């Protein structure tokens, strides 16, 4: 990003001792302020793809404001929220409909014990820590299904981001923002099927079959005891 700014300054023929143009200064300050937000969520590849698609849509429909350059934290967050809304509508359509009408889910719903609620179109876990100082993602994690490909990709990405952490550390990291139904089983499955983890720690109870004895040792008739 800094290289792009330097190229733009070179194109504008701004010398080293001249003050920066106001639009360049505002854009750089906005980029600098958003740097700390990049660590608040994971950025898998499919999130970036959707972010570029949304940018293309906005640039095509907007005549005045055109978003250029690298993706910003707000664009990445919007892309992630868009994917989550799609997944939740596919898997929890009945619960979302019930919450929009009567603010409670059906008694037979698998989300009943989570006391879910809607927040800006996102289905979140309820609870009694609404007034705690933690961020909303930690107080009320986003609900995700365990049998959707998005959840699988998210767990796989987080597993690699944490340098192939174990099931407990991986689940604790995910629950900082997401609540995957039966998440412990999904996390264990992802870790168990990870080839990198298997090669580094194949297991202590693995028994290997020994090869056949060579002919020199298998010929017991030539063996004699010398006393």
C-alpha atoms as a PDB file:
ATOM      1  CA  UNK A   1       0.000   0.000   0.000  1.00  0.00           C
ATOM      2  CA  UNK A   2       2.845   2.418   0.811  1.00  0.00           C
ATOM      3  CA  UNK A   3       4.388   1.687  -2.576  1.00  0.00           C
ATOM      4  CA  UNK A   4       1.139   2.671  -4.302  1.00  0.00           C
ATOM      5  CA  UNK A   5       1.075   5.982  -2.439  1.00  0.00           C
ATOM      6  CA  UNK A   6       4.677   6.673  -3.450  1.00  0.00           C
ATOM      7  CA  UNK A   7       3.856   5.971  -7.078  1.00  0.00           C
ATOM      8  CA  UNK A   8       0.909   8.363  -6.972  1.00  0.00           C
ATOM      9  CA  UNK A   9       3.068  11.075  -5.426  1.00  0.00           C
ATOM     10  CA  UNK A  10       5.652  10.531  -8.145  1.00  0.00           C
ATOM     11  CA  UNK A  11       2.954  10.845 -10.820  1.00  0.00           C
ATOM     12  CA  UNK A  12       1.783  14.114  -9.252  1.00  0.00           C
ATOM     13  CA  UNK A  13       5.434  15.316  -9.223  1.00  0.00           C
ATOM     14  CA  UNK A  14       5.367  16.160  -5.528  1.00  0.00           C
ATOM     15  CA  UNK A  15       8.854  16.964  -4.254  1.00  0.00           C
ATOM     16  CA  UNK A  16      10.218  15.759  -0.916  1.00  0.00           C
ATOM     17  CA  UNK A  17       9.840  19.100   0.881  1.00  0.00           C
ATOM     18  CA  UNK A  18       6.348  19.930  -0.387  1.00  0.00           C
ATOM     19  CA  UNK A  19       3.254  19.212   1.747  1.00  0.00           C
ATOM     20  CA  UNK A  20       1.077  16.337   0.646  1.00  0.00           C
ATOM     21  CA  UNK A  21      -2.213  17.013  -1.152  1.00  0.00           C
ATOM     22  CA  UNK A  22      -5.225  16.969   1.129  1.00  0.00           C
ATOM     23  CA  UNK A  23      -6.928  14.021  -0.615  1.00  0.00           C
ATOM     24  CA  UNK A  24      -3.758  11.909  -0.370  1.00  0.00           C
ATOM     25  CA  UNK A  25      -3.371  12.807   3.297  1.00  0.00           C
ATOM     26  CA  UNK A  26      -6.972  11.834   4.124  1.00  0.00           C
ATOM     27  CA  UNK A  27      -6.691   8.552   2.227  1.00  0.00           C
ATOM     28  CA  UNK A  28      -3.444   7.626   3.976  1.00  0.00           C
ATOM     29  CA  UNK A  29      -4.866   8.513   7.388  1.00  0.00           C
ATOM     30  CA  UNK A  30      -7.941   6.369   6.712  1.00  0.00           C
ATOM     31  CA  UNK A  31      -5.751   3.454   5.674  1.00  0.00           C
ATOM     32  CA  UNK A  32      -3.532   3.874   8.743  1.00  0.00           C
ATOM     33  CA  UNK A  33      -6.516   3.961  11.114  1.00  0.00           C
ATOM     34  CA  UNK A  34      -7.904   0.725   9.655  1.00  0.00           C
ATOM     35  CA  UNK A  35      -4.689  -1.248  10.048  1.00  0.00           C
ATOM     36  CA  UNK A  36      -5.526  -2.402  13.578  1.00  0.00           C
ATOM     37  CA  UNK A  37      -8.898  -3.730  12.401  1.00  0.00           C
ATOM     38  CA  UNK A  38      -7.291  -6.306  10.122  1.00  0.00           C
ATOM     39  CA  UNK A  39      -6.425  -8.491  13.121  1.00  0.00           C
ATOM     40  CA  UNK A  40     -10.014  -8.730  14.354  1.00  0.00           C
ATOM     41  CA  UNK A  41     -11.118 -11.377  11.864  1.00  0.00           C
ATOM     42  CA  UNK A  42      -9.749 -14.010   9.530  1.00  0.00           C
ATOM     43  CA  UNK A  43      -9.472 -13.318   5.831  1.00  0.00           C
ATOM     44  CA  UNK A  44      -9.720 -16.564   3.844  1.00  0.00           C
ATOM     45  CA  UNK A  45      -9.435 -16.457   0.082  1.00  0.00           C
ATOM     46  CA  UNK A  46     -13.179 -16.736  -0.589  1.00  0.00           C
ATOM     47  CA  UNK A  47     -13.799 -13.671   1.581  1.00  0.00           C
ATOM     48  CA  UNK A  48     -11.431 -11.639  -0.563  1.00  0.00           C
ATOM     49  CA  UNK A  49     -13.090 -12.880  -3.761  1.00  0.00           C
ATOM     50  CA  UNK A  50     -16.536 -11.785  -2.556  1.00  0.00           C
ATOM     51  CA  UNK A  51     -15.075  -8.448  -1.459  1.00  0.00           C
ATOM     52  CA  UNK A  52     -13.802  -7.754  -4.979  1.00  0.00           C
ATOM     53  CA  UNK A  53     -17.188  -8.744  -6.414  1.00  0.00           C
ATOM     54  CA  UNK A  54     -18.982  -6.324  -4.082  1.00  0.00           C
ATOM     55  CA  UNK A  55     -16.504  -3.598  -4.969  1.00  0.00           C
ATOM     56  CA  UNK A  56     -17.133  -4.164  -8.669  1.00  0.00           C
ATOM     57  CA  UNK A  57     -20.873  -3.926  -8.050  1.00  0.00           C
ATOM     58  CA  UNK A  58     -20.533  -0.677  -6.111  1.00  0.00           C
ATOM     59  CA  UNK A  59     -18.206   0.871  -8.690  1.00  0.00           C
ATOM     60  CA  UNK A  60     -20.556  -0.122 -11.506  1.00  0.00           C
ATOM     61  CA  UNK A  61     -23.629   1.401  -9.844  1.00  0.00           C
ATOM     62  CA  UNK A  62     -21.928   4.507  -8.427  1.00  0.00           C
ATOM     63  CA  UNK A  63     -21.056   7.332 -10.798  1.00  0.00           C
ATOM     64  CA  UNK A  64     -19.068   9.527  -8.451  1.00  0.00           C
ATOM     65  CA  UNK A  65     -17.256   7.424  -5.822  1.00  0.00           C
ATOM     66  CA  UNK A  66     -14.965   4.684  -7.150  1.00  0.00           C
ATOM     67  CA  UNK A  67     -13.169   2.387  -4.725  1.00  0.00           C
ATOM     68  CA  UNK A  68      -9.665   1.524  -5.949  1.00  0.00           C
ATOM     69  CA  UNK A  69      -6.474   0.057  -4.524  1.00  0.00           C
ATOM     70  CA  UNK A  70      -6.122  -2.752  -1.978  1.00  0.00           C
ATOM     71  CA  UNK A  71      -9.128  -4.039  -0.071  1.00  0.00           C
ATOM     72  CA  UNK A  72      -9.952  -2.140   3.095  1.00  0.00           C
ATOM     73  CA  UNK A  73     -10.944  -3.637   6.425  1.00  0.00           C
ATOM     74  CA  UNK A  74     -14.529  -2.428   5.986  1.00  0.00           C
ATOM     75  CA  UNK A  75     -14.784  -4.155   2.597  1.00  0.00           C
ATOM     76  CA  UNK A  76     -13.437  -7.416   4.014  1.00  0.00           C
ATOM     77  CA  UNK A  77     -15.822  -7.260   6.960  1.00  0.00           C
ATOM     78  CA  UNK A  78     -18.769  -6.547   4.656  1.00  0.00           C
ATOM     79  CA  UNK A  79     -17.791  -9.529   2.503  1.00  0.00           C
ATOM     80  CA  UNK A  80     -17.584 -11.829   5.522  1.00  0.00           C
ATOM     81  CA  UNK A  81     -20.959 -10.667   6.843  1.00  0.00           C
ATOM     82  CA  UNK A  82     -22.494 -11.193   3.388  1.00  0.00           C
ATOM     83  CA  UNK A  83     -21.269 -14.790   3.284  1.00  0.00           C
ATOM     84  CA  UNK A  84     -22.511 -15.432   6.815  1.00  0.00           C
ATOM     85  CA  UNK A  85     -25.976 -14.085   5.971  1.00  0.00           C
ATOM     86  CA  UNK A  86     -26.167 -16.404   2.949  1.00  0.00           C
ATOM     87  CA  UNK A  87     -25.130 -19.427   5.033  1.00  0.00           C
ATOM     88  CA  UNK A  88     -27.544 -18.620   7.851  1.00  0.00           C
ATOM     89  CA  UNK A  89     -30.473 -18.109   5.485  1.00  0.00           C
ATOM     90  CA  UNK A  90     -29.756 -21.490   3.887  1.00  0.00           C
ATOM     91  CA  UNK A  91     -29.481 -23.430   7.151  1.00  0.00           C
ATOM     92  CA  UNK A  92     -31.546 -21.418   9.660  1.00  0.00           C
ATOM     93  CA  UNK A  93     -34.246 -19.962   7.443  1.00  0.00           C
ATOM     94  CA  UNK A  94     -37.105 -21.064   9.716  1.00  0.00           C
ATOM     95  CA  UNK A  95     -35.426 -19.696  12.838  1.00  0.00           C
ATOM     96  CA  UNK A  96     -34.723 -16.344  11.184  1.00  0.00           C
ATOM     97  CA  UNK A  97     -38.339 -16.142  10.030  1.00  0.00           C
ATOM     98  CA  UNK A  98     -39.625 -16.947  13.519  1.00  0.00           C
ATOM     99  CA  UNK A  99     -37.356 -14.351  15.129  1.00  0.00           C
ATOM    100  CA  UNK A 100     -38.497 -11.664  12.705  1.00  0.00           C
ATOM    101  CA  UNK A 101     -42.150 -12.373  13.518  1.00  0.00           C
ATOM    102  CA  UNK A 102     -42.352 -13.299  17.196  1.00  0.00           C
ATOM    103  CA  UNK A 103     -38.755 -12.821  18.434  1.00  0.00           C
ATOM    104  CA  UNK A 104     -38.436 -16.434  19.538  1.00  0.00           C
ATOM    105  CA  UNK A 105     -37.672 -19.708  17.795  1.00  0.00           C
ATOM    106  CA  UNK A 106     -39.829 -22.822  17.686  1.00  0.00           C
ATOM    107  CA  UNK A 107     -39.673 -25.124  20.690  1.00  0.00           C
ATOM    108  CA  UNK A 108     -38.422 -27.928  18.448  1.00  0.00           C
ATOM    109  CA  UNK A 109     -35.594 -25.870  16.975  1.00  0.00           C
ATOM    110  CA  UNK A 110     -32.013 -26.979  17.605  1.00  0.00           C
ATOM    111  CA  UNK A 111     -31.164 -23.364  18.415  1.00  0.00           C
ATOM    112  CA  UNK A 112     -33.644 -23.098  21.284  1.00  0.00           C
ATOM    113  CA  UNK A 113     -31.034 -23.523  24.037  1.00  0.00           C
ATOM    114  CA  UNK A 114     -28.853 -20.816  22.518  1.00  0.00           C
ATOM    115  CA  UNK A 115     -31.587 -18.173  22.942  1.00  0.00           C
ATOM    116  CA  UNK A 116     -30.672 -16.630  19.560  1.00  0.00           C
ATOM    117  CA  UNK A 117     -31.498 -13.136  18.375  1.00  0.00           C
ATOM    118  CA  UNK A 118     -31.026 -11.093  15.202  1.00  0.00           C
ATOM    119  CA  UNK A 119     -28.482  -8.281  15.065  1.00  0.00           C
ATOM    120  CA  UNK A 120     -28.272  -6.324  11.796  1.00  0.00           C
ATOM    121  CA  UNK A 121     -29.363  -9.392   9.851  1.00  0.00           C
ATOM    122  CA  UNK A 122     -26.918 -11.720  11.642  1.00  0.00           C
ATOM    123  CA  UNK A 123     -28.094 -14.584  13.867  1.00  0.00           C
ATOM    124  CA  UNK A 124     -26.216 -14.513  17.169  1.00  0.00           C
ATOM    125  CA  UNK A 125     -26.145 -16.462  20.429  1.00  0.00           C
ATOM    126  CA  UNK A 126     -28.060 -14.833  23.258  1.00  0.00           C
ATOM    127  CA  UNK A 127     -27.060 -14.681  26.905  1.00  0.00           C
ATOM    128  CA  UNK A 128     -26.961 -12.549  30.045  1.00  0.00           C
ATOM    129  CA  UNK A 129     -23.700 -10.667  29.451  1.00  0.00           C
ATOM    130  CA  UNK A 130     -25.128  -7.959  27.239  1.00  0.00           C
ATOM    131  CA  UNK A 131     -23.697  -5.186  29.444  1.00  0.00           C
ATOM    132  CA  UNK A 132     -20.180  -6.648  29.691  1.00  0.00           C
ATOM    133  CA  UNK A 133     -17.292  -4.589  28.264  1.00  0.00           C
ATOM    134  CA  UNK A 134     -16.342  -7.259  25.715  1.00  0.00           C
ATOM    135  CA  UNK A 135     -16.898  -6.886  21.981  1.00  0.00           C
ATOM    136  CA  UNK A 136     -20.238  -8.078  20.633  1.00  0.00           C
ATOM    137  CA  UNK A 137     -18.612 -10.967  18.762  1.00  0.00           C
ATOM    138  CA  UNK A 138     -17.290 -12.331  22.040  1.00  0.00           C
ATOM    139  CA  UNK A 139     -20.461 -11.670  24.035  1.00  0.00           C
ATOM    140  CA  UNK A 140     -22.793 -12.970  21.344  1.00  0.00           C
ATOM    141  CA  UNK A 141     -20.953 -15.188  18.827  1.00  0.00           C
ATOM    142  CA  UNK A 142     -22.293 -15.674  15.320  1.00  0.00           C
ATOM    143  CA  UNK A 143     -24.200 -18.942  14.883  1.00  0.00           C
ATOM    144  CA  UNK A 144     -22.953 -21.245  12.119  1.00  0.00           C
ATOM    145  CA  UNK A 145     -23.977 -24.789  11.092  1.00  0.00           C
ATOM    146  CA  UNK A 146     -21.506 -27.638  11.364  1.00  0.00           C
ATOM    147  CA  UNK A 147     -22.450 -29.333   8.073  1.00  0.00           C
ATOM    148  CA  UNK A 148     -21.950 -26.390   5.701  1.00  0.00           C
ATOM    149  CA  UNK A 149     -18.891 -26.053   3.475  1.00  0.00           C
ATOM    150  CA  UNK A 150     -18.348 -22.490   4.740  1.00  0.00           C
ATOM    151  CA  UNK A 151     -17.916 -23.732   8.310  1.00  0.00           C
ATOM    152  CA  UNK A 152     -15.479 -26.387   7.151  1.00  0.00           C
ATOM    153  CA  UNK A 153     -13.395 -23.865   5.205  1.00  0.00           C
ATOM    154  CA  UNK A 154     -13.432 -21.487   8.160  1.00  0.00           C
ATOM    155  CA  UNK A 155     -12.165 -24.158  10.581  1.00  0.00           C
ATOM    156  CA  UNK A 156      -9.496 -25.308   8.124  1.00  0.00           C
ATOM    157  CA  UNK A 157      -8.281 -21.753   7.621  1.00  0.00           C
ATOM    158  CA  UNK A 158      -8.160 -21.058  11.354  1.00  0.00           C
ATOM    159  CA  UNK A 159      -6.334 -24.353  11.931  1.00  0.00           C
ATOM    160  CA  UNK A 160      -3.603 -23.312   9.489  1.00  0.00           C
ATOM    161  CA  UNK A 161      -3.501 -19.740  10.782  1.00  0.00           C
ATOM    162  CA  UNK A 162      -2.814 -21.052  14.282  1.00  0.00           C
ATOM    163  CA  UNK A 163       0.036 -23.199  12.889  1.00  0.00           C
ATOM    164  CA  UNK A 164      -1.945 -26.455  13.172  1.00  0.00           C
ATOM    165  CA  UNK A 165      -3.144 -25.981  16.719  1.00  0.00           C
ATOM    166  CA  UNK A 166      -4.854 -28.809  18.573  1.00  0.00           C
ATOM    167  CA  UNK A 167      -8.632 -29.215  18.903  1.00  0.00           C
ATOM    168  CA  UNK A 168      -8.973 -27.320  22.185  1.00  0.00           C
ATOM    169  CA  UNK A 169      -6.917 -24.284  21.122  1.00  0.00           C
ATOM    170  CA  UNK A 170      -8.629 -24.231  17.723  1.00  0.00           C
ATOM    171  CA  UNK A 171     -12.122 -24.357  19.218  1.00  0.00           C
ATOM    172  CA  UNK A 172     -11.276 -21.639  21.761  1.00  0.00           C
ATOM    173  CA  UNK A 173     -10.013 -19.355  18.990  1.00  0.00           C
ATOM    174  CA  UNK A 174     -13.112 -19.907  16.845  1.00  0.00           C
ATOM    175  CA  UNK A 175     -15.481 -19.213  19.730  1.00  0.00           C
ATOM    176  CA  UNK A 176     -14.017 -15.753  20.109  1.00  0.00           C
ATOM    177  CA  UNK A 177     -16.319 -14.824  17.237  1.00  0.00           C
ATOM    178  CA  UNK A 178     -18.303 -17.837  15.989  1.00  0.00           C
ATOM    179  CA  UNK A 179     -20.475 -20.510  17.592  1.00  0.00           C
ATOM    180  CA  UNK A 180     -20.522 -23.578  15.351  1.00  0.00           C
ATOM    181  CA  UNK A 181     -23.159 -26.147  16.270  1.00  0.00           C
ATOM    182  CA  UNK A 182     -21.404 -29.332  17.449  1.00  0.00           C
ATOM    183  CA  UNK A 183     -18.220 -27.407  16.841  1.00  0.00           C
ATOM    184  CA  UNK A 184     -16.082 -29.748  18.921  1.00  0.00           C
ATOM    185  CA  UNK A 185     -16.877 -32.666  16.620  1.00  0.00           C
ATOM    186  CA  UNK A 186     -16.136 -30.612  13.507  1.00  0.00           C
ATOM    187  CA  UNK A 187     -12.853 -29.336  14.943  1.00  0.00           C
ATOM    188  CA  UNK A 188     -11.734 -32.835  15.886  1.00  0.00           C
ATOM    189  CA  UNK A 189     -12.581 -34.085  12.412  1.00  0.00           C
ATOM    190  CA  UNK A 190     -10.594 -31.308  10.729  1.00  0.00           C
ATOM    191  CA  UNK A 191      -7.551 -31.894  12.957  1.00  0.00           C
ATOM    192  CA  UNK A 192      -7.778 -35.664  12.538  1.00  0.00           C
ATOM    193  CA  UNK A 193      -7.902 -35.378   8.734  1.00  0.00           C
ATOM    194  CA  UNK A 194      -5.047 -32.862   8.550  1.00  0.00           C
ATOM    195  CA  UNK A 195      -2.166 -34.559   6.746  1.00  0.00           C
ATOM    196  CA  UNK A 196       0.413 -32.146   8.149  1.00  0.00           C
ATOM    197  CA  UNK A 197      -0.628 -32.914  11.725  1.00  0.00           C
ATOM    198  CA  UNK A 198      -0.656 -36.652  11.029  1.00  0.00           C
ATOM    199  CA  UNK A 199       2.860 -36.615   9.583  1.00  0.00           C
ATOM    200  CA  UNK A 200       4.248 -34.681  12.525  1.00  0.00           C
ATOM    201  CA  UNK A 201       2.484 -36.845  15.125  1.00  0.00           C
ATOM    202  CA  UNK A 202       1.197 -40.129  13.666  1.00  0.00           C
ATOM    203  CA  UNK A 203       0.169 -41.443  17.082  1.00  0.00           C
ATOM    204  CA  UNK A 204       1.741 -43.419  19.882  1.00  0.00           C
ATOM    205  CA  UNK A 205      -0.354 -46.558  19.462  1.00  0.00           C
ATOM    206  CA  UNK A 206       0.483 -47.237  15.837  1.00  0.00           C
ATOM    207  CA  UNK A 207       1.731 -50.833  15.410  1.00  0.00           C
ATOM    208  CA  UNK A 208       3.904 -51.652  12.437  1.00  0.00           C
ATOM    209  CA  UNK A 209       4.123 -55.172  10.978  1.00  0.00           C
ATOM    210  CA  UNK A 210       7.631 -56.565  10.858  1.00  0.00           C
ATOM    211  CA  UNK A 211       9.006 -57.834   7.552  1.00  0.00           C
ATOM    212  CA  UNK A 212       9.654 -61.496   6.853  1.00  0.00           C
ATOM    213  CA  UNK A 213      12.908 -62.976   8.086  1.00  0.00           C
ATOM    214  CA  UNK A 214      15.652 -63.458   5.458  1.00  0.00           C
ATOM    215  CA  UNK A 215      16.428 -66.982   4.261  1.00  0.00           C
ATOM    216  CA  UNK A 216      19.623 -67.178   6.356  1.00  0.00           C
ATOM    217  CA  UNK A 217      17.642 -66.672   9.552  1.00  0.00           C
ATOM    218  CA  UNK A 218      14.568 -68.609   8.509  1.00  0.00           C
ATOM    219  CA  UNK A 219      16.504 -71.894   7.992  1.00  0.00           C
ATOM    220  CA  UNK A 220      16.204 -73.281  11.504  1.00  0.00           C
ATOM    221  CA  UNK A 221      17.583 -76.713  10.539  1.00  0.00           C
ATOM    222  CA  UNK A 222      21.114 -75.311  10.319  1.00  0.00           C
ATOM    223  CA  UNK A 223      20.907 -73.942  13.830  1.00  0.00           C
ATOM    224  CA  UNK A 224      22.877 -75.867  16.445  1.00  0.00           C
ATOM    225  CA  UNK A 225      23.685 -75.178  20.028  1.00  0.00           C
ATOM    226  CA  UNK A 226      27.313 -75.406  21.073  1.00  0.00           C
ATOM    227  CA  UNK A 227      27.954 -76.442  24.623  1.00  0.00           C
END
